[in-house]
C-alpha atoms as a PDB file:
ATOM      1  CA  GLY A   1      33.812  24.397 -15.133  1.00  0.00           C
ATOM      2  CA  GLY A   2      37.471  24.316 -16.052  1.00  0.00           C
ATOM      3  CA  SER A   3      40.586  25.310 -14.186  1.00  0.00           C
ATOM      4  CA  ALA A   4      40.237  29.080 -14.685  1.00  0.00           C
ATOM      5  CA  SER A   5      36.603  29.209 -13.646  1.00  0.00           C
ATOM      6  CA  ASN A   6      37.272  26.869 -10.720  1.00  0.00           C
ATOM      7  CA  ALA A   7      40.074  29.167  -9.548  1.00  0.00           C
ATOM      8  CA  VAL A   8      37.823  32.219  -9.836  1.00  0.00           C
ATOM      9  CA  ALA A   9      34.927  30.500  -8.027  1.00  0.00           C
ATOM     10  CA  THR A  10      37.257  29.383  -5.226  1.00  0.00           C
ATOM     11  CA  CYS A  11      38.574  32.935  -4.823  1.00  0.00           C
ATOM     12  CA  ALA A  12      34.987  34.216  -4.657  1.00  0.00           C
ATOM     13  CA  LEU A  13      34.074  31.618  -2.031  1.00  0.00           C
ATOM     14  CA  LEU A  14      37.083  32.829  -0.017  1.00  0.00           C
ATOM     15  CA  GLY A  15      35.643  36.344  -0.066  1.00  0.00           C
ATOM     16  CA  LEU A  16      37.518  37.966  -2.959  1.00  0.00           C
ATOM     17  CA  LYS A  17      35.754  40.061  -5.583  1.00  0.00           C
ATOM     18  CA  THR A  18      35.945  38.095  -8.830  1.00  0.00           C
ATOM     19  CA  ALA A  19      34.692  38.160 -12.399  1.00  0.00           C
ATOM     20  CA  PHE A  20      34.612  35.564 -15.140  1.00  0.00           C
ATOM     21  CA  CYS A  21      34.268  36.074 -18.881  1.00  0.00           C
ATOM     22  CA  GLY A  22      33.492  33.130 -21.116  1.00  0.00           C
ATOM     23  CA  LYS A  23      31.137  31.535 -23.594  1.00  0.00           C
ATOM     24  CA  ILE A  24      28.584  28.845 -22.857  1.00  0.00           C
ATOM     25  CA  GLY A  25      26.056  26.938 -24.867  1.00  0.00           C
ATOM     26  CA  ASN A  26      22.411  27.895 -24.810  1.00  0.00           C
ATOM     27  CA  ASP A  27      21.668  24.530 -23.195  1.00  0.00           C
ATOM     28  CA  GLU A  28      20.927  22.994 -19.787  1.00  0.00           C
ATOM     29  CA  TYR A  29      24.638  22.705 -18.964  1.00  0.00           C
ATOM     30  CA  GLY A  30      25.216  26.346 -19.788  1.00  0.00           C
ATOM     31  CA  THR A  31      22.312  27.334 -17.563  1.00  0.00           C
ATOM     32  CA  GLN A  32      23.634  25.158 -14.735  1.00  0.00           C
ATOM     33  CA  TYR A  33      27.133  26.574 -15.203  1.00  0.00           C
ATOM     34  CA  GLU A  34      25.860  30.151 -15.136  1.00  0.00           C
ATOM     35  CA  ASN A  35      23.706  29.554 -12.044  1.00  0.00           C
ATOM     36  CA  GLU A  36      26.447  27.796 -10.073  1.00  0.00           C
ATOM     37  CA  THR A  37      29.040  30.420 -10.998  1.00  0.00           C
ATOM     38  CA  LYS A  38      26.755  33.211  -9.816  1.00  0.00           C
ATOM     39  CA  GLN A  39      25.887  31.245  -6.637  1.00  0.00           C
ATOM     40  CA  ALA A  40      29.626  31.111  -5.864  1.00  0.00           C
ATOM     41  CA  GLY A  41      29.620  34.921  -5.871  1.00  0.00           C
ATOM     42  CA  VAL A  42      31.341  35.456  -9.213  1.00  0.00           C
ATOM     43  CA  TYR A  43      30.363  38.418 -11.400  1.00  0.00           C
ATOM     44  CA  THR A  44      29.747  36.804 -14.766  1.00  0.00           C
ATOM     45  CA  ARG A  45      30.062  38.068 -18.276  1.00  0.00           C
ATOM     46  CA  LEU A  46      28.947  34.892 -20.025  1.00  0.00           C
ATOM     47  CA  HIS A  47      28.118  35.011 -23.703  1.00  0.00           C
ATOM     48  CA  LYS A  48      25.793  32.375 -25.178  1.00  0.00           C
ATOM     49  CA  THR A  49      25.864  30.465 -28.428  1.00  0.00           C
ATOM     50  CA  ASN A  50      24.031  27.502 -29.939  1.00  0.00           C
ATOM     51  CA  LYS A  51      27.191  25.394 -29.656  1.00  0.00           C
ATOM     52  CA  LEU A  52      27.312  22.833 -26.824  1.00  0.00           C
ATOM     53  CA  THR A  53      28.683  23.966 -23.456  1.00  0.00           C
ATOM     54  CA  GLY A  54      32.166  22.502 -22.868  1.00  0.00           C
ATOM     55  CA  HIS A  55      32.641  19.273 -20.917  1.00  0.00           C
ATOM     56  CA  VAL A  56      35.446  17.446 -19.167  1.00  0.00           C
ATOM     57  CA  VAL A  57      35.404  13.756 -18.329  1.00  0.00           C
ATOM     58  CA  VAL A  58      37.886  12.820 -15.590  1.00  0.00           C
ATOM     59  CA  LEU A  59      39.103   9.236 -15.409  1.00  0.00           C
ATOM     60  CA  ILE A  60      40.823   8.182 -12.175  1.00  0.00           C
ATOM     61  CA  THR A  61      42.702   4.903 -11.782  1.00  0.00           C
ATOM     62  CA  ASN A  62      42.865   2.864  -8.560  1.00  0.00           C
ATOM     63  CA  ASP A  63      46.333   4.311  -7.855  1.00  0.00           C
ATOM     64  CA  ALA A  64      44.949   7.893  -8.108  1.00  0.00           C
ATOM     65  CA  GLU A  65      46.352   8.762 -11.543  1.00  0.00           C
ATOM     66  CA  ARG A  66      43.982  10.951 -13.510  1.00  0.00           C
ATOM     67  CA  THR A  67      43.331  11.514 -17.176  1.00  0.00           C
ATOM     68  CA  MET A  68      41.025  14.154 -18.584  1.00  0.00           C
ATOM     69  CA  ALA A  69      39.120  14.090 -21.842  1.00  0.00           C
ATOM     70  CA  VAL A  70      38.302  17.702 -22.676  1.00  0.00           C
ATOM     71  CA  ASN A  71      35.806  19.173 -25.122  1.00  0.00           C
ATOM     72  CA  LEU A  72      35.996  22.950 -24.707  1.00  0.00           C
ATOM     73  CA  GLY A  73      32.800  23.353 -26.719  1.00  0.00           C
ATOM     74  CA  ALA A  74      31.405  26.893 -26.872  1.00  0.00           C
ATOM     75  CA  SER A  75      34.270  28.364 -24.829  1.00  0.00           C
ATOM     76  CA  VAL A  76      36.628  28.422 -27.811  1.00  0.00           C
ATOM     77  CA  ASP A  77      34.223  30.651 -29.739  1.00  0.00           C
ATOM     78  CA  LEU A  78      34.741  33.645 -27.449  1.00  0.00           C
ATOM     79  CA  LYS A  79      35.528  36.695 -29.591  1.00  0.00           C
ATOM     80  CA  ASN A  80      37.801  39.676 -28.951  1.00  0.00           C
ATOM     81  CA  GLU A  81      34.821  42.048 -28.925  1.00  0.00           C
ATOM     82  CA  GLU A  82      33.286  40.004 -26.077  1.00  0.00           C
ATOM     83  CA  ILE A  83      36.245  40.825 -23.825  1.00  0.00           C
ATOM     84  CA  SER A  84      35.579  43.921 -21.744  1.00  0.00           C
ATOM     85  CA  GLU A  85      38.605  46.197 -21.614  1.00  0.00           C
ATOM     86  CA  GLN A  86      36.871  48.048 -18.766  1.00  0.00           C
ATOM     87  CA  ASP A  87      36.592  44.811 -16.732  1.00  0.00           C
ATOM     88  CA  ILE A  88      40.262  44.007 -17.303  1.00  0.00           C
ATOM     89  CA  ALA A  89      41.372  47.546 -16.481  1.00  0.00           C
ATOM     90  CA  ALA A  90      39.416  47.383 -13.199  1.00  0.00           C
ATOM     91  CA  SER A  91      41.078  44.092 -12.205  1.00  0.00           C
ATOM     92  CA  ASN A  92      44.123  43.321 -10.099  1.00  0.00           C
ATOM     93  CA  ILE A  93      44.895  40.015 -11.833  1.00  0.00           C
ATOM     94  CA  LEU A  94      43.904  38.437 -15.150  1.00  0.00           C
ATOM     95  CA  HIS A  95      43.977  34.623 -14.958  1.00  0.00           C
ATOM     96  CA  ILE A  96      44.055  32.431 -18.081  1.00  0.00           C
ATOM     97  CA  ASP A  97      44.449  28.665 -18.340  1.00  0.00           C
ATOM     98  CA  GLY A  98      46.511  26.696 -20.819  1.00  0.00           C
ATOM     99  CA  TYR A  99      43.548  24.973 -22.462  1.00  0.00           C
ATOM    100  CA  GLN A 100      42.228  28.354 -23.565  1.00  0.00           C
ATOM    101  CA  ILE A 101      45.677  29.473 -24.700  1.00  0.00           C
ATOM    102  CA  GLU A 102      45.873  26.381 -26.894  1.00  0.00           C
ATOM    103  CA  GLN A 103      42.346  26.505 -28.320  1.00  0.00           C
ATOM    104  CA  ALA A 104      41.445  30.213 -28.284  1.00  0.00           C
ATOM    105  CA  THR A 105      44.839  31.774 -28.875  1.00  0.00           C
ATOM    106  CA  GLU A 106      43.645  34.982 -30.544  1.00  0.00           C
ATOM    107  CA  VAL A 107      41.219  36.003 -27.794  1.00  0.00           C
ATOM    108  CA  CYS A 108      43.730  35.065 -25.085  1.00  0.00           C
ATOM    109  CA  MET A 109      46.396  37.213 -26.705  1.00  0.00           C
ATOM    110  CA  HIS A 110      43.886  40.067 -26.926  1.00  0.00           C
ATOM    111  CA  ALA A 111      43.096  39.771 -23.197  1.00  0.00           C
ATOM    112  CA  LEU A 112      46.813  39.521 -22.332  1.00  0.00           C
ATOM    113  CA  GLN A 113      47.592  42.650 -24.349  1.00  0.00           C
ATOM    114  CA  LEU A 114      44.769  44.560 -22.631  1.00  0.00           C
ATOM    115  CA  ALA A 115      46.036  43.479 -19.213  1.00  0.00           C
ATOM    116  CA  LYS A 116      49.568  44.531 -20.082  1.00  0.00           C
ATOM    117  CA  LYS A 117      48.304  47.866 -21.435  1.00  0.00           C
ATOM    118  CA  HIS A 118      46.587  48.551 -18.092  1.00  0.00           C
ATOM    119  CA  HIS A 119      49.480  47.213 -15.960  1.00  0.00           C
ATOM    120  CA  ILE A 120      47.399  44.319 -14.599  1.00  0.00           C
ATOM    121  CA  LYS A 121      49.165  41.290 -13.143  1.00  0.00           C
ATOM    122  CA  ILE A 122      48.781  38.192 -15.281  1.00  0.00           C
ATOM    123  CA  SER A 123      48.392  34.673 -13.946  1.00  0.00           C
ATOM    124  CA  ILE A 124      48.835  31.653 -16.218  1.00  0.00           C
ATOM    125  CA  ASP A 125      47.850  28.074 -15.353  1.00  0.00           C
ATOM    126  CA  ALA A 126      49.830  25.672 -17.554  1.00  0.00           C
ATOM    127  CA  SER A 127      46.872  23.233 -17.234  1.00  0.00           C
ATOM    128  CA  ASP A 128      48.412  20.040 -18.632  1.00  0.00           C
ATOM    129  CA  ALA A 129      51.825  18.747 -19.692  1.00  0.00           C
ATOM    130  CA  GLY A 130      50.401  17.630 -23.039  1.00  0.00           C
ATOM    131  CA  VAL A 131      49.050  21.103 -23.753  1.00  0.00           C
ATOM    132  CA  VAL A 132      52.459  22.567 -22.896  1.00  0.00           C
ATOM    133  CA  GLN A 133      54.327  20.041 -25.078  1.00  0.00           C
ATOM    134  CA  ARG A 134      52.092  20.743 -28.082  1.00  0.00           C
ATOM    135  CA  ASN A 135      52.546  24.515 -27.694  1.00  0.00           C
ATOM    136  CA  LYS A 136      55.941  24.863 -26.006  1.00  0.00           C
ATOM    137  CA  LYS A 137      57.252  27.866 -27.970  1.00  0.00           C
ATOM    138  CA  GLN A 138      53.943  29.720 -27.601  1.00  0.00           C
ATOM    139  CA  PHE A 139      53.799  29.041 -23.840  1.00  0.00           C
ATOM    140  CA  GLU A 140      57.392  30.135 -23.359  1.00  0.00           C
ATOM    141  CA  HIS A 141      56.713  33.368 -25.253  1.00  0.00           C
ATOM    142  CA  ILE A 142      53.508  34.113 -23.326  1.00  0.00           C
ATOM    143  CA  ILE A 143      55.044  33.356 -19.935  1.00  0.00           C
ATOM    144  CA  LYS A 144      58.176  35.408 -20.596  1.00  0.00           C
ATOM    145  CA  SER A 145      56.284  38.314 -22.169  1.00  0.00           C
ATOM    146  CA  TYR A 146      53.197  38.518 -19.974  1.00  0.00           C
ATOM    147  CA  ALA A 147      53.099  36.333 -16.848  1.00  0.00           C
ATOM    148  CA  THR A 148      53.542  37.635 -13.340  1.00  0.00           C
ATOM    149  CA  ILE A 149      52.297  34.386 -11.767  1.00  0.00           C
ATOM    150  CA  LEU A 150      52.650  30.864 -13.162  1.00  0.00           C
ATOM    151  CA  PHE A 151      50.906  27.731 -11.909  1.00  0.00           C
ATOM    152  CA  ALA A 152      52.621  24.553 -13.081  1.00  0.00           C
ATOM    153  CA  ASN A 153      52.990  21.115 -11.534  1.00  0.00           C
ATOM    154  CA  GLU A 154      56.207  19.088 -11.871  1.00  0.00           C
ATOM    155  CA  GLU A 155      55.187  17.513 -15.191  1.00  0.00           C
ATOM    156  CA  GLU A 156      54.178  20.859 -16.685  1.00  0.00           C
ATOM    157  CA  ALA A 157      57.363  22.532 -15.425  1.00  0.00           C
ATOM    158  CA  ALA A 158      59.422  19.730 -16.965  1.00  0.00           C
ATOM    159  CA  ALA A 159      57.542  20.098 -20.263  1.00  0.00           C
ATOM    160  CA  LEU A 160      58.253  23.843 -20.267  1.00  0.00           C
ATOM    161  CA  THR A 161      61.953  23.638 -19.379  1.00  0.00           C
ATOM    162  CA  SER A 162      63.074  20.054 -20.087  1.00  0.00           C
ATOM    163  CA  LYS A 163      64.467  20.032 -16.522  1.00  0.00           C
ATOM    164  CA  LYS A 164      63.676  18.253 -13.271  1.00  0.00           C
ATOM    165  CA  ALA A 165      61.520  19.961 -10.628  1.00  0.00           C
ATOM    166  CA  THR A 166      64.115  21.929  -8.644  1.00  0.00           C
ATOM    167  CA  GLU A 167      65.938  23.220 -11.714  1.00  0.00           C
ATOM    168  CA  ALA A 168      62.647  23.859 -13.534  1.00  0.00           C
ATOM    169  CA  VAL A 169      61.308  26.007 -10.682  1.00  0.00           C
ATOM    170  CA  SER A 170      64.478  28.088 -10.688  1.00  0.00           C
ATOM    171  CA  GLU A 171      64.333  28.625 -14.448  1.00  0.00           C
ATOM    172  CA  LEU A 172      60.602  29.382 -14.498  1.00  0.00           C
ATOM    173  CA  GLY A 173      61.114  31.904 -11.709  1.00  0.00           C
ATOM    174  CA  GLN A 174      63.301  33.869 -14.112  1.00  0.00           C
ATOM    175  CA  TRP A 175      60.661  33.748 -16.857  1.00  0.00           C
ATOM    176  CA  CYS A 176      57.996  35.671 -14.969  1.00  0.00           C
END
């Protein structure tokens, strides 16, 4: 289910209290997604639509390089009114991934503003160097204005800062 939902499910499996808000299709994949998320111990606030549930195809080469083909499907149709301010206010951390920032910018900004309003820590997962490159100014603004925690690998850090790993980490540490 995507980097944000995988992070939330992992935290739940480690014993933390977690919640996930998103949108799924009213299809077999959406049902499977909802069931597995709940089985992991995640409180869900999943909204349904007739659009297809999102999919990711992961291609891995013999030398362990990976490429992902992403169709976010129904998830990009999440609306501001489907975000619970009460859920965000009751949280310690709001976590958002870069794919959602790129594809569902308005609802992500709404959630970020609610978290900031309620003094909630904000965690951003850069998700993919290509996503960062396509949206560099937006990512820089969001990280500098909202992020408390940033997850970025070397490629994503380089895309954000145009610097090599050590220098990129130092610069990004000043952003959030």
